[in-house]
PDB file of N, CA and C in Angstrom:
ATOM      1  N   MET A   1      -5.704   5.849  -7.705  1.00  0.00           N
ATOM      2  CA  MET A   1      -5.325   6.127  -6.328  1.00  0.00           C
ATOM      3  C   MET A   1      -4.562   7.437  -6.311  1.00  0.00           C
ATOM      4  N   GLY A   2      -4.911   8.320  -5.378  1.00  0.00           N
ATOM      5  CA  GLY A   2      -4.192   9.572  -5.260  1.00  0.00           C
ATOM      6  C   GLY A   2      -2.870   9.382  -4.543  1.00  0.00           C
ATOM      7  N   CYS A   3      -1.971  10.341  -4.735  1.00  0.00           N
ATOM      8  CA  CYS A   3      -0.649  10.217  -4.118  1.00  0.00           C
ATOM      9  C   CYS A   3      -0.709  10.297  -2.603  1.00  0.00           C
ATOM     10  N   VAL A   4      -1.664  11.062  -2.071  1.00  0.00           N
ATOM     11  CA  VAL A   4      -1.768  11.121  -0.612  1.00  0.00           C
ATOM     12  C   VAL A   4      -1.989   9.720  -0.070  1.00  0.00           C
ATOM     13  N   HIS A   5      -2.896   8.987  -0.692  1.00  0.00           N
ATOM     14  CA  HIS A   5      -3.145   7.619  -0.265  1.00  0.00           C
ATOM     15  C   HIS A   5      -1.900   6.751  -0.470  1.00  0.00           C
ATOM     16  N   ALA A   6      -1.221   6.939  -1.591  1.00  0.00           N
ATOM     17  CA  ALA A   6      -0.011   6.173  -1.867  1.00  0.00           C
ATOM     18  C   ALA A   6       1.031   6.408  -0.784  1.00  0.00           C
ATOM     19  N   PHE A   7       1.199   7.669  -0.373  1.00  0.00           N
ATOM     20  CA  PHE A   7       2.175   7.955   0.668  1.00  0.00           C
ATOM     21  C   PHE A   7       1.722   7.421   2.023  1.00  0.00           C
ATOM     22  N   ASP A   8       0.418   7.339   2.251  1.00  0.00           N
ATOM     23  CA  ASP A   8      -0.070   6.684   3.469  1.00  0.00           C
ATOM     24  C   ASP A   8       0.369   5.229   3.483  1.00  0.00           C
ATOM     25  N   VAL A   9       0.225   4.568   2.350  1.00  0.00           N
ATOM     26  CA  VAL A   9       0.619   3.159   2.241  1.00  0.00           C
ATOM     27  C   VAL A   9       2.130   3.024   2.418  1.00  0.00           C
ATOM     28  N   LEU A  10       2.887   3.870   1.723  1.00  0.00           N
ATOM     29  CA  LEU A  10       4.344   3.786   1.752  1.00  0.00           C
ATOM     30  C   LEU A  10       4.961   4.370   3.023  1.00  0.00           C
ATOM     31  N   GLY A  11       4.159   5.063   3.815  1.00  0.00           N
ATOM     32  CA  GLY A  11       4.671   5.665   5.040  1.00  0.00           C
ATOM     33  C   GLY A  11       5.038   4.652   6.105  1.00  0.00           C
ATOM     34  N   ASP A  12       4.567   3.438   5.973  1.00  0.00           N
ATOM     35  CA  ASP A  12       4.848   2.409   6.963  1.00  0.00           C
ATOM     36  C   ASP A  12       6.130   1.658   6.595  1.00  0.00           C
ATOM     37  N   PRO A  13       7.108   1.576   7.513  1.00  0.00           N
ATOM     38  CA  PRO A  13       8.381   0.927   7.190  1.00  0.00           C
ATOM     39  C   PRO A  13       8.239  -0.566   6.881  1.00  0.00           C
ATOM     40  N   VAL A  14       7.274  -1.232   7.482  1.00  0.00           N
ATOM     41  CA  VAL A  14       7.073  -2.658   7.190  1.00  0.00           C
ATOM     42  C   VAL A  14       6.621  -2.829   5.746  1.00  0.00           C
ATOM     43  N   ARG A  15       5.691  -2.003   5.304  1.00  0.00           N
ATOM     44  CA  ARG A  15       5.213  -2.115   3.920  1.00  0.00           C
ATOM     45  C   ARG A  15       6.304  -1.740   2.921  1.00  0.00           C
ATOM     46  N   ARG A  16       7.092  -0.726   3.255  1.00  0.00           N
ATOM     47  CA  ARG A  16       8.205  -0.377   2.356  1.00  0.00           C
ATOM     48  C   ARG A  16       9.175  -1.554   2.243  1.00  0.00           C
ATOM     49  N   ARG A  17       9.460  -2.199   3.365  1.00  0.00           N
ATOM     50  CA  ARG A  17      10.392  -3.343   3.343  1.00  0.00           C
ATOM     51  C   ARG A  17       9.806  -4.507   2.548  1.00  0.00           C
ATOM     52  N   ILE A  18       8.513  -4.756   2.683  1.00  0.00           N
ATOM     53  CA  ILE A  18       7.880  -5.821   1.899  1.00  0.00           C
ATOM     54  C   ILE A  18       8.042  -5.528   0.408  1.00  0.00           C
ATOM     55  N   LEU A  19       7.819  -4.285   0.005  1.00  0.00           N
ATOM     56  CA  LEU A  19       7.984  -3.931  -1.411  1.00  0.00           C
ATOM     57  C   LEU A  19       9.427  -4.117  -1.857  1.00  0.00           C
ATOM     58  N   GLU A  20      10.379  -3.789  -0.977  1.00  0.00           N
ATOM     59  CA  GLU A  20      11.791  -4.016  -1.307  1.00  0.00           C
ATOM     60  C   GLU A  20      12.046  -5.496  -1.549  1.00  0.00           C
ATOM     61  N   LEU A  21      11.482  -6.346  -0.699  1.00  0.00           N
ATOM     62  CA  LEU A  21      11.650  -7.790  -0.880  1.00  0.00           C
ATOM     63  C   LEU A  21      11.037  -8.255  -2.195  1.00  0.00           C
ATOM     64  N   LEU A  22       9.865  -7.732  -2.519  1.00  0.00           N
ATOM     65  CA  LEU A  22       9.177  -8.141  -3.735  1.00  0.00           C
ATOM     66  C   LEU A  22       9.825  -7.564  -4.992  1.00  0.00           C
ATOM     67  N   ALA A  23      10.617  -6.514  -4.844  1.00  0.00           N
ATOM     68  CA  ALA A  23      11.271  -5.898  -5.997  1.00  0.00           C
ATOM     69  C   ALA A  23      12.231  -6.867  -6.677  1.00  0.00           C
ATOM     70  N   SER A  24      12.735  -7.846  -5.933  1.00  0.00           N
ATOM     71  CA  SER A  24      13.654  -8.820  -6.529  1.00  0.00           C
ATOM     72  C   SER A  24      12.908  -9.930  -7.261  1.00  0.00           C
ATOM     73  N   GLY A  25      11.583  -9.921  -7.176  1.00  0.00           N
ATOM     74  CA  GLY A  25      10.780 -10.916  -7.881  1.00  0.00           C
ATOM     75  C   GLY A  25       9.681 -11.481  -7.004  1.00  0.00           C
ATOM     76  N   GLU A  26       8.808 -12.212  -7.623  1.00  0.00           N
ATOM     77  CA  GLU A  26       7.667 -12.810  -6.939  1.00  0.00           C
ATOM     78  C   GLU A  26       8.140 -13.686  -5.773  1.00  0.00           C
ATOM     79  N   GLN A  27       7.432 -13.564  -4.633  1.00  0.00           N
ATOM     80  CA  GLN A  27       7.794 -14.357  -3.460  1.00  0.00           C
ATOM     81  C   GLN A  27       6.552 -14.884  -2.773  1.00  0.00           C
ATOM     82  N   ALA A  28       6.697 -16.045  -2.160  1.00  0.00           N
ATOM     83  CA  ALA A  28       5.604 -16.646  -1.403  1.00  0.00           C
ATOM     84  C   ALA A  28       5.369 -15.852  -0.132  1.00  0.00           C
ATOM     85  N   SER A  29       4.117 -15.797   0.282  1.00  0.00           N
ATOM     86  CA  SER A  29       3.778 -15.051   1.491  1.00  0.00           C
ATOM     87  C   SER A  29       4.552 -15.568   2.699  1.00  0.00           C
ATOM     88  N   GLY A  30       4.802 -16.871   2.767  1.00  0.00           N
ATOM     89  CA  GLY A  30       5.555 -17.434   3.883  1.00  0.00           C
ATOM     90  C   GLY A  30       6.991 -16.931   3.930  1.00  0.00           C
ATOM     91  N   GLU A  31       7.609 -16.782   2.762  1.00  0.00           N
ATOM     92  CA  GLU A  31       8.981 -16.258   2.699  1.00  0.00           C
ATOM     93  C   GLU A  31       9.023 -14.807   3.156  1.00  0.00           C
ATOM     94  N   VAL A  32       8.086 -14.017   2.651  1.00  0.00           N
ATOM     95  CA  VAL A  32       8.002 -12.609   3.041  1.00  0.00           C
ATOM     96  C   VAL A  32       7.753 -12.510   4.536  1.00  0.00           C
ATOM     97  N   SER A  33       6.820 -13.292   5.021  1.00  0.00           N
ATOM     98  CA  SER A  33       6.459 -13.257   6.432  1.00  0.00           C
ATOM     99  C   SER A  33       7.652 -13.602   7.318  1.00  0.00           C
ATOM    100  N   ALA A  34       8.424 -14.610   6.929  1.00  0.00           N
ATOM    101  CA  ALA A  34       9.578 -15.021   7.740  1.00  0.00           C
ATOM    102  C   ALA A  34      10.599 -13.893   7.856  1.00  0.00           C
ATOM    103  N   VAL A  35      10.884 -13.221   6.741  1.00  0.00           N
ATOM    104  CA  VAL A  35      11.857 -12.118   6.767  1.00  0.00           C
ATOM    105  C   VAL A  35      11.335 -10.968   7.622  1.00  0.00           C
ATOM    106  N   ILE A  36      10.093 -10.578   7.391  1.00  0.00           N
ATOM    107  CA  ILE A  36       9.522  -9.430   8.099  1.00  0.00           C
ATOM    108  C   ILE A  36       9.408  -9.715   9.592  1.00  0.00           C
ATOM    109  N   ARG A  37       8.974 -10.908   9.945  1.00  0.00           N
ATOM    110  CA  ARG A  37       8.860 -11.252  11.366  1.00  0.00           C
ATOM    111  C   ARG A  37      10.234 -11.200  12.026  1.00  0.00           C
ATOM    112  N   GLY A  38      11.258 -11.661  11.321  1.00  0.00           N
ATOM    113  CA  GLY A  38      12.611 -11.622  11.868  1.00  0.00           C
ATOM    114  C   GLY A  38      13.152 -10.213  12.019  1.00  0.00           C
ATOM    115  N   GLU A  39      12.873  -9.362  11.037  1.00  0.00           N
ATOM    116  CA  GLU A  39      13.429  -8.006  11.055  1.00  0.00           C
ATOM    117  C   GLU A  39      12.645  -7.059  11.951  1.00  0.00           C
ATOM    118  N   PHE A  40      11.328  -7.225  12.008  1.00  0.00           N
ATOM    119  CA  PHE A  40      10.497  -6.274  12.740  1.00  0.00           C
ATOM    120  C   PHE A  40       9.901  -6.845  14.018  1.00  0.00           C
ATOM    121  N   GLY A  41      10.005  -8.152  14.210  1.00  0.00           N
ATOM    122  CA  GLY A  41       9.477  -8.769  15.421  1.00  0.00           C
ATOM    123  C   GLY A  41       7.965  -8.686  15.543  1.00  0.00           C
ATOM    124  N   ILE A  42       7.270  -8.748  14.418  1.00  0.00           N
ATOM    125  CA  ILE A  42       5.807  -8.692  14.458  1.00  0.00           C
ATOM    126  C   ILE A  42       5.242 -10.080  14.145  1.00  0.00           C
ATOM    127  N   SER A  43       3.993 -10.278  14.444  1.00  0.00           N
ATOM    128  CA  SER A  43       3.352 -11.580  14.269  1.00  0.00           C
ATOM    129  C   SER A  43       3.033 -11.850  12.801  1.00  0.00           C
ATOM    130  N   GLN A  44       2.789 -13.123  12.496  1.00  0.00           N
ATOM    131  CA  GLN A  44       2.397 -13.506  11.136  1.00  0.00           C
ATOM    132  C   GLN A  44       1.081 -12.831  10.740  1.00  0.00           C
ATOM    133  N   PRO A  45       0.064 -12.773  11.625  1.00  0.00           N
ATOM    134  CA  PRO A  45      -1.154 -12.054  11.244  1.00  0.00           C
ATOM    135  C   PRO A  45      -0.912 -10.574  10.938  1.00  0.00           C
ATOM    136  N   ALA A  46       0.024  -9.961  11.630  1.00  0.00           N
ATOM    137  CA  ALA A  46       0.349  -8.550  11.355  1.00  0.00           C
ATOM    138  C   ALA A  46       0.981  -8.413   9.973  1.00  0.00           C
ATOM    139  N   VAL A  47       1.872  -9.344   9.620  1.00  0.00           N
ATOM    140  CA  VAL A  47       2.475  -9.321   8.279  1.00  0.00           C
ATOM    141  C   VAL A  47       1.384  -9.508   7.231  1.00  0.00           C
ATOM    142  N   SER A  48       0.470 -10.443   7.488  1.00  0.00           N
ATOM    143  CA  SER A  48      -0.636 -10.676   6.555  1.00  0.00           C
ATOM    144  C   SER A  48      -1.467  -9.420   6.353  1.00  0.00           C
ATOM    145  N   GLN A  49      -1.668  -8.662   7.412  1.00  0.00           N
ATOM    146  CA  GLN A  49      -2.429  -7.413   7.307  1.00  0.00           C
ATOM    147  C   GLN A  49      -1.701  -6.407   6.417  1.00  0.00           C
ATOM    148  N   HIS A  50      -0.378  -6.311   6.561  1.00  0.00           N
ATOM    149  CA  HIS A  50       0.406  -5.406   5.703  1.00  0.00           C
ATOM    150  C   HIS A  50       0.328  -5.856   4.243  1.00  0.00           C
ATOM    151  N   LEU A  51       0.413  -7.161   4.002  1.00  0.00           N
ATOM    152  CA  LEU A  51       0.282  -7.678   2.642  1.00  0.00           C
ATOM    153  C   LEU A  51      -1.103  -7.343   2.075  1.00  0.00           C
ATOM    154  N   LYS A  52      -2.113  -7.432   2.904  1.00  0.00           N
ATOM    155  CA  LYS A  52      -3.472  -7.109   2.479  1.00  0.00           C
ATOM    156  C   LYS A  52      -3.583  -5.632   2.080  1.00  0.00           C
ATOM    157  N   VAL A  53      -2.988  -4.747   2.874  1.00  0.00           N
ATOM    158  CA  VAL A  53      -3.017  -3.313   2.557  1.00  0.00           C
ATOM    159  C   VAL A  53      -2.324  -3.073   1.211  1.00  0.00           C
ATOM    160  N   LEU A  54      -1.172  -3.712   1.011  1.00  0.00           N
ATOM    161  CA  LEU A  54      -0.453  -3.545  -0.250  1.00  0.00           C
ATOM    162  C   LEU A  54      -1.278  -4.072  -1.425  1.00  0.00           C
ATOM    163  N   ARG A  55      -1.933  -5.182  -1.221  1.00  0.00           N
ATOM    164  CA  ARG A  55      -2.774  -5.778  -2.269  1.00  0.00           C
ATOM    165  C   ARG A  55      -3.976  -4.884  -2.571  1.00  0.00           C
ATOM    166  N   GLU A  56      -4.687  -4.459  -1.537  1.00  0.00           N
ATOM    167  CA  GLU A  56      -5.905  -3.660  -1.732  1.00  0.00           C
ATOM    168  C   GLU A  56      -5.607  -2.268  -2.282  1.00  0.00           C
ATOM    169  N   SER A  57      -4.423  -1.745  -2.009  1.00  0.00           N
ATOM    170  CA  SER A  57      -4.062  -0.423  -2.515  1.00  0.00           C
ATOM    171  C   SER A  57      -3.436  -0.494  -3.900  1.00  0.00           C
ATOM    172  N   GLY A  58      -3.240  -1.711  -4.414  1.00  0.00           N
ATOM    173  CA  GLY A  58      -2.718  -1.878  -5.758  1.00  0.00           C
ATOM    174  C   GLY A  58      -1.216  -1.951  -5.867  1.00  0.00           C
ATOM    175  N   PHE A  59      -0.491  -1.896  -4.751  1.00  0.00           N
ATOM    176  CA  PHE A  59       0.968  -1.953  -4.788  1.00  0.00           C
ATOM    177  C   PHE A  59       1.491  -3.363  -4.981  1.00  0.00           C
ATOM    178  N   ALA A  60       0.677  -4.364  -4.666  1.00  0.00           N
ATOM    179  CA  ALA A  60       1.099  -5.757  -4.814  1.00  0.00           C
ATOM    180  C   ALA A  60      -0.068  -6.567  -5.362  1.00  0.00           C
ATOM    181  N   SER A  61       0.287  -7.626  -6.063  1.00  0.00           N
ATOM    182  CA  SER A  61      -0.723  -8.577  -6.530  1.00  0.00           C
ATOM    183  C   SER A  61      -0.399  -9.931  -5.919  1.00  0.00           C
ATOM    184  N   VAL A  62      -1.384 -10.802  -5.918  1.00  0.00           N
ATOM    185  CA  VAL A  62      -1.195 -12.140  -5.371  1.00  0.00           C
ATOM    186  C   VAL A  62      -1.827 -13.140  -6.319  1.00  0.00           C
ATOM    187  N   ARG A  63      -1.186 -14.291  -6.414  1.00  0.00           N
ATOM    188  CA  ARG A  63      -1.762 -15.381  -7.197  1.00  0.00           C
ATOM    189  C   ARG A  63      -1.524 -16.682  -6.444  1.00  0.00           C
ATOM    190  N   ALA A  64      -2.426 -17.608  -6.625  1.00  0.00           N
ATOM    191  CA  ALA A  64      -2.299 -18.907  -5.972  1.00  0.00           C
ATOM    192  C   ALA A  64      -1.418 -19.809  -6.818  1.00  0.00           C
ATOM    193  N   ASP A  65      -0.562 -20.549  -6.137  1.00  0.00           N
ATOM    194  CA  ASP A  65       0.273 -21.562  -6.781  1.00  0.00           C
ATOM    195  C   ASP A  65       0.190 -22.791  -5.889  1.00  0.00           C
ATOM    196  N   GLY A  66      -0.805 -23.623  -6.145  1.00  0.00           N
ATOM    197  CA  GLY A  66      -1.088 -24.736  -5.238  1.00  0.00           C
ATOM    198  C   GLY A  66      -1.577 -24.159  -3.916  1.00  0.00           C
ATOM    199  N   THR A  67      -0.880 -24.503  -2.856  1.00  0.00           N
ATOM    200  CA  THR A  67      -1.266 -23.985  -1.537  1.00  0.00           C
ATOM    201  C   THR A  67      -0.546 -22.683  -1.203  1.00  0.00           C
ATOM    202  N   ARG A  68       0.401 -22.310  -2.049  1.00  0.00           N
ATOM    203  CA  ARG A  68       1.152 -21.074  -1.774  1.00  0.00           C
ATOM    204  C   ARG A  68       0.466 -19.870  -2.397  1.00  0.00           C
ATOM    205  N   ARG A  69       0.675 -18.715  -1.753  1.00  0.00           N
ATOM    206  CA  ARG A  69       0.204 -17.447  -2.304  1.00  0.00           C
ATOM    207  C   ARG A  69       1.445 -16.644  -2.663  1.00  0.00           C
ATOM    208  N   LEU A  70       1.583 -16.339  -3.941  1.00  0.00           N
ATOM    209  CA  LEU A  70       2.763 -15.629  -4.435  1.00  0.00           C
ATOM    210  C   LEU A  70       2.433 -14.161  -4.655  1.00  0.00           C
ATOM    211  N   TYR A  71       3.263 -13.309  -4.055  1.00  0.00           N
ATOM    212  CA  TYR A  71       3.081 -11.864  -4.150  1.00  0.00           C
ATOM    213  C   TYR A  71       4.101 -11.270  -5.107  1.00  0.00           C
ATOM    214  N   ALA A  72       3.677 -10.212  -5.802  1.00  0.00           N
ATOM    215  CA  ALA A  72       4.545  -9.489  -6.729  1.00  0.00           C
ATOM    216  C   ALA A  72       4.229  -8.004  -6.634  1.00  0.00           C
ATOM    217  N   VAL A  73       5.212  -7.178  -6.980  1.00  0.00           N
ATOM    218  CA  VAL A  73       5.031  -5.725  -7.008  1.00  0.00           C
ATOM    219  C   VAL A  73       4.198  -5.348  -8.224  1.00  0.00           C
ATOM    220  N   GLU A  74       3.292  -4.416  -8.041  1.00  0.00           N
ATOM    221  CA  GLU A  74       2.555  -3.797  -9.146  1.00  0.00           C
ATOM    222  C   GLU A  74       3.126  -2.393  -9.326  1.00  0.00           C
ATOM    223  N   THR A  75       3.493  -2.051 -10.538  1.00  0.00           N
ATOM    224  CA  THR A  75       4.239  -0.812 -10.757  1.00  0.00           C
ATOM    225  C   THR A  75       3.389   0.443 -10.923  1.00  0.00           C
ATOM    226  N   GLU A  76       2.119   0.310 -11.277  1.00  0.00           N
ATOM    227  CA  GLU A  76       1.313   1.497 -11.567  1.00  0.00           C
ATOM    228  C   GLU A  76       1.276   2.505 -10.403  1.00  0.00           C
ATOM    229  N   PRO A  77       0.999   2.080  -9.161  1.00  0.00           N
ATOM    230  CA  PRO A  77       1.004   3.069  -8.075  1.00  0.00           C
ATOM    231  C   PRO A  77       2.377   3.711  -7.877  1.00  0.00           C
ATOM    232  N   LEU A  78       3.435   2.969  -8.149  1.00  0.00           N
ATOM    233  CA  LEU A  78       4.779   3.539  -8.023  1.00  0.00           C
ATOM    234  C   LEU A  78       5.027   4.566  -9.117  1.00  0.00           C
ATOM    235  N   ARG A  79       4.464   4.335 -10.306  1.00  0.00           N
ATOM    236  CA  ARG A  79       4.573   5.337 -11.386  1.00  0.00           C
ATOM    237  C   ARG A  79       3.858   6.624 -10.984  1.00  0.00           C
ATOM    238  N   GLU A  80       2.702   6.484 -10.314  1.00  0.00           N
ATOM    239  CA  GLU A  80       1.974   7.665  -9.861  1.00  0.00           C
ATOM    240  C   GLU A  80       2.790   8.459  -8.841  1.00  0.00           C
ATOM    241  N   VAL A  81       3.446   7.758  -7.934  1.00  0.00           N
ATOM    242  CA  VAL A  81       4.305   8.424  -6.950  1.00  0.00           C
ATOM    243  C   VAL A  81       5.461   9.115  -7.663  1.00  0.00           C
ATOM    244  N   ASP A  82       6.063   8.428  -8.621  1.00  0.00           N
ATOM    245  CA  ASP A  82       7.173   8.994  -9.379  1.00  0.00           C
ATOM    246  C   ASP A  82       6.731  10.247 -10.132  1.00  0.00           C
ATOM    247  N   ALA A  83       5.542  10.198 -10.729  1.00  0.00           N
ATOM    248  CA  ALA A  83       5.021  11.359 -11.451  1.00  0.00           C
ATOM    249  C   ALA A  83       4.803  12.532 -10.500  1.00  0.00           C
ATOM    250  N   TRP A  84       4.313  12.254  -9.304  1.00  0.00           N
ATOM    251  CA  TRP A  84       4.100  13.316  -8.316  1.00  0.00           C
ATOM    252  C   TRP A  84       5.430  13.926  -7.902  1.00  0.00           C
ATOM    253  N   LEU A  85       6.444  13.073  -7.702  1.00  0.00           N
ATOM    254  CA  LEU A  85       7.766  13.560  -7.299  1.00  0.00           C
ATOM    255  C   LEU A  85       8.463  14.346  -8.403  1.00  0.00           C
ATOM    256  N   GLU A  86       8.074  14.101  -9.644  1.00  0.00           N
ATOM    257  CA  GLU A  86       8.718  14.748 -10.787  1.00  0.00           C
ATOM    258  C   GLU A  86       8.727  16.266 -10.656  1.00  0.00           C
ATOM    259  N   ARG A  87       7.642  16.837 -10.111  1.00  0.00           N
ATOM    260  CA  ARG A  87       7.603  18.306 -10.002  1.00  0.00           C
ATOM    261  C   ARG A  87       8.644  18.857  -9.046  1.00  0.00           C
ATOM    262  N   PHE A  88       9.236  18.020  -8.212  1.00  0.00           N
ATOM    263  CA  PHE A  88      10.236  18.479  -7.256  1.00  0.00           C
ATOM    264  C   PHE A  88      11.670  18.195  -7.710  1.00  0.00           C
ATOM    265  N   ARG A  89      11.829  17.414  -8.763  1.00  0.00           N
ATOM    266  CA  ARG A  89      13.176  17.058  -9.219  1.00  0.00           C
ATOM    267  C   ARG A  89      13.975  18.277  -9.644  1.00  0.00           C
ATOM    268  N   GLY A  90      13.296  19.291 -10.146  1.00  0.00           N
ATOM    269  CA  GLY A  90      13.998  20.512 -10.539  1.00  0.00           C
ATOM    270  C   GLY A  90      14.750  21.134  -9.376  1.00  0.00           C
ATOM    271  N   PHE A  91      14.172  21.073  -8.192  1.00  0.00           N
ATOM    272  CA  PHE A  91      14.855  21.610  -7.008  1.00  0.00           C
ATOM    273  C   PHE A  91      16.129  20.812  -6.730  1.00  0.00           C
ATOM    274  N   TRP A  92      16.022  19.490  -6.836  1.00  0.00           N
ATOM    275  CA  TRP A  92      17.201  18.649  -6.586  1.00  0.00           C
ATOM    276  C   TRP A  92      18.262  18.894  -7.642  1.00  0.00           C
ATOM    277  N   ASP A  93      17.832  18.960  -8.916  1.00  0.00           N
ATOM    278  CA  ASP A  93      18.780  19.156  -9.998  1.00  0.00           C
ATOM    279  C   ASP A  93      19.520  20.476  -9.843  1.00  0.00           C
ATOM    280  N   GLN A  94      18.791  21.553  -9.487  1.00  0.00           N
ATOM    281  CA  GLN A  94      19.431  22.858  -9.304  1.00  0.00           C
ATOM    282  C   GLN A  94      20.469  22.781  -8.183  1.00  0.00           C
ATOM    283  N   ARG A  95      20.100  22.137  -7.098  1.00  0.00           N
ATOM    284  CA  ARG A  95      21.042  22.049  -5.970  1.00  0.00           C
ATOM    285  C   ARG A  95      22.245  21.178  -6.320  1.00  0.00           C
ATOM    286  N   LEU A  96      22.013  20.092  -7.045  1.00  0.00           N
ATOM    287  CA  LEU A  96      23.131  19.241  -7.449  1.00  0.00           C
ATOM    288  C   LEU A  96      24.042  19.975  -8.424  1.00  0.00           C
ATOM    289  N   ASP A  97      23.461  20.757  -9.343  1.00  0.00           N
ATOM    290  CA  ASP A  97      24.273  21.555 -10.253  1.00  0.00           C
ATOM    291  C   ASP A  97      25.111  22.565  -9.478  1.00  0.00           C
ATOM    292  N   ALA A  98      24.496  23.218  -8.476  1.00  0.00           N
ATOM    293  CA  ALA A  98      25.223  24.195  -7.661  1.00  0.00           C
ATOM    294  C   ALA A  98      26.337  23.510  -6.882  1.00  0.00           C
ATOM    295  N   LEU A  99      26.060  22.323  -6.347  1.00  0.00           N
ATOM    296  CA  LEU A  99      27.086  21.573  -5.623  1.00  0.00           C
ATOM    297  C   LEU A  99      28.235  21.223  -6.560  1.00  0.00           C
ATOM    298  N   GLY A 100      27.923  20.785  -7.771  1.00  0.00           N
ATOM    299  CA  GLY A 100      28.965  20.471  -8.749  1.00  0.00           C
ATOM    300  C   GLY A 100      29.830  21.676  -9.054  1.00  0.00           C
ATOM    301  N   THR A 101      29.211  22.843  -9.186  1.00  0.00           N
ATOM    302  CA  THR A 101      29.953  24.079  -9.441  1.00  0.00           C
ATOM    303  C   THR A 101      30.892  24.390  -8.281  1.00  0.00           C
ATOM    304  N   GLU A 102      30.381  24.274  -7.052  1.00  0.00           N
ATOM    305  CA  GLU A 102      31.209  24.550  -5.874  1.00  0.00           C
ATOM    306  C   GLU A 102      32.365  23.560  -5.750  1.00  0.00           C
ATOM    307  N   LEU A 103      32.104  22.298  -6.031  1.00  0.00           N
ATOM    308  CA  LEU A 103      33.181  21.299  -5.967  1.00  0.00           C
ATOM    309  C   LEU A 103      34.259  21.599  -7.001  1.00  0.00           C
ATOM    310  N   ALA A 104      33.844  21.957  -8.209  1.00  0.00           N
ATOM    311  CA  ALA A 104      34.810  22.295  -9.253  1.00  0.00           C
ATOM    312  C   ALA A 104      35.619  23.525  -8.854  1.00  0.00           C
ATOM    313  N   ARG A 105      34.958  24.525  -8.271  1.00  0.00           N
ATOM    314  CA  ARG A 105      35.644  25.739  -7.821  1.00  0.00           C
ATOM    315  C   ARG A 105      36.670  25.385  -6.750  1.00  0.00           C
ATOM    316  N   GLY A 106      36.284  24.516  -5.810  1.00  0.00           N
ATOM    317  CA  GLY A 106      37.206  24.105  -4.744  1.00  0.00           C
ATOM    318  C   GLY A 106      38.422  23.377  -5.295  1.00  0.00           C
ATOM    319  N   LYS A 107      38.226  22.534  -6.300  1.00  0.00           N
ATOM    320  CA  LYS A 107      39.355  21.822  -6.912  1.00  0.00           C
ATOM    321  C   LYS A 107      40.303  22.797  -7.598  1.00  0.00           C
ATOM    322  N   ARG A 108      39.717  23.788  -8.312  1.00  0.00           N
ATOM    323  CA  ARG A 108      40.554  24.787  -8.985  1.00  0.00           C
ATOM    324  C   ARG A 108      41.364  25.570  -7.965  1.00  0.00           C
ATOM    325  N   GLU A 109      40.721  25.954  -6.864  1.00  0.00           N
ATOM    326  CA  GLU A 109      41.424  26.730  -5.835  1.00  0.00           C
ATOM    327  C   GLU A 109      42.547  25.914  -5.212  1.00  0.00           C
ATOM    328  N   ARG A 110      42.297  24.627  -4.970  1.00  0.00           N
ATOM    329  CA  ARG A 110      43.351  23.785  -4.392  1.00  0.00           C
ATOM    330  C   ARG A 110      44.510  23.634  -5.365  1.00  0.00           C
ATOM    331  N   ARG A 111      44.191  23.471  -6.653  1.00  0.00           N
ATOM    332  CA  ARG A 111      45.263  23.358  -7.663  1.00  0.00           C
ATOM    333  C   ARG A 111      46.064  24.648  -7.722  1.00  0.00           C
ATOM    334  N   THR A 112      45.372  25.784  -7.700  1.00  0.00           N
ATOM    335  CA  THR A 112      46.043  27.077  -7.762  1.00  0.00           C
ATOM    336  C   THR A 112      46.916  27.281  -6.528  1.00  0.00           C
ATOM    337  N   GLN A 113      46.403  26.968  -5.365  1.00  0.00           N
ATOM    338  CA  GLN A 113      47.173  27.100  -4.129  1.00  0.00           C
ATOM    339  C   GLN A 113      48.354  26.139  -4.131  1.00  0.00           C
ATOM    340  N   GLY A 114      48.159  24.948  -4.658  1.00  0.00           N
ATOM    341  CA  GLY A 114      49.240  23.977  -4.732  1.00  0.00           C
ATOM    342  C   GLY A 114      50.354  24.449  -5.631  1.00  0.00           C
ATOM    343  N   GLU A 115      49.987  25.108  -6.752  1.00  0.00           N
ATOM    344  CA  GLU A 115      50.997  25.646  -7.661  1.00  0.00           C
ATOM    345  C   GLU A 115      51.762  26.769  -6.999  1.00  0.00           C
ATOM    346  N   VAL A 116      51.082  27.607  -6.234  1.00  0.00           N
ATOM    347  CA  VAL A 116      51.739  28.726  -5.561  1.00  0.00           C
ATOM    348  C   VAL A 116      52.716  28.186  -4.524  1.00  0.00           C
ATOM    349  N   SER A 117      52.290  27.193  -3.723  1.00  0.00           N
ATOM    350  CA  SER A 117      53.165  26.713  -2.658  1.00  0.00           C
ATOM    351  C   SER A 117      54.347  25.951  -3.233  1.00  0.00           C
ATOM    352  N   GLU A 118      54.233  25.375  -4.430  1.00  0.00           N
ATOM    353  CA  GLU A 118      55.372  24.681  -5.033  1.00  0.00           C
ATOM    354  C   GLU A 118      56.430  25.670  -5.489  1.00  0.00           C
ATOM    355  N   ASP A 119      55.976  26.863  -5.897  1.00  0.00           N
ATOM    356  CA  ASP A 119      56.913  27.886  -6.391  1.00  0.00           C
ATOM    357  C   ASP A 119      57.669  28.535  -5.250  1.00  0.00           C
ATOM    358  N   GLU A 120      57.120  28.484  -4.050  1.00  0.00           N
ATOM    359  CA  GLU A 120      57.761  29.188  -2.939  1.00  0.00           C
ATOM    360  C   GLU A 120      58.970  28.483  -2.429  1.00  0.00           C
TER     361      GLU A 120
END
C-alpha cells in the first residue's frame, strides 16, 4: 500500500480513533462500536464501514471468537507511514536543536542579568 492511500485511510478522525482504541489491544467490534457511536454520534453501520476500510486497507485484522468479531491493529501499514515520515524528521530535529540553543541562551542571559541586578 502506498503512503498516499495510507494517509487517505488515516485522514478520517473516526478511523484514527478506532486505531487508538485498538492500540491498547484486541477489542470486540461491539465494544469499538459503542465507544465510537458515543463519541462521534454515528450509526452502528457507519462504524462497521470504518472497520471494513481499516480491515481492507491492512490497518486492522479481524478474527472470529464465537459470535464476536475481534479487531486488532496491524503494524505494517503504520511502519510504511513511519518510513515515509522519516525523511522529514531532519527538519524537526534541526528546529528542536535550534529551540534548545535559544532556550539555553535565554537561561544564560537571565542568569547574567540576575547577577548584575544583585550587585547593584
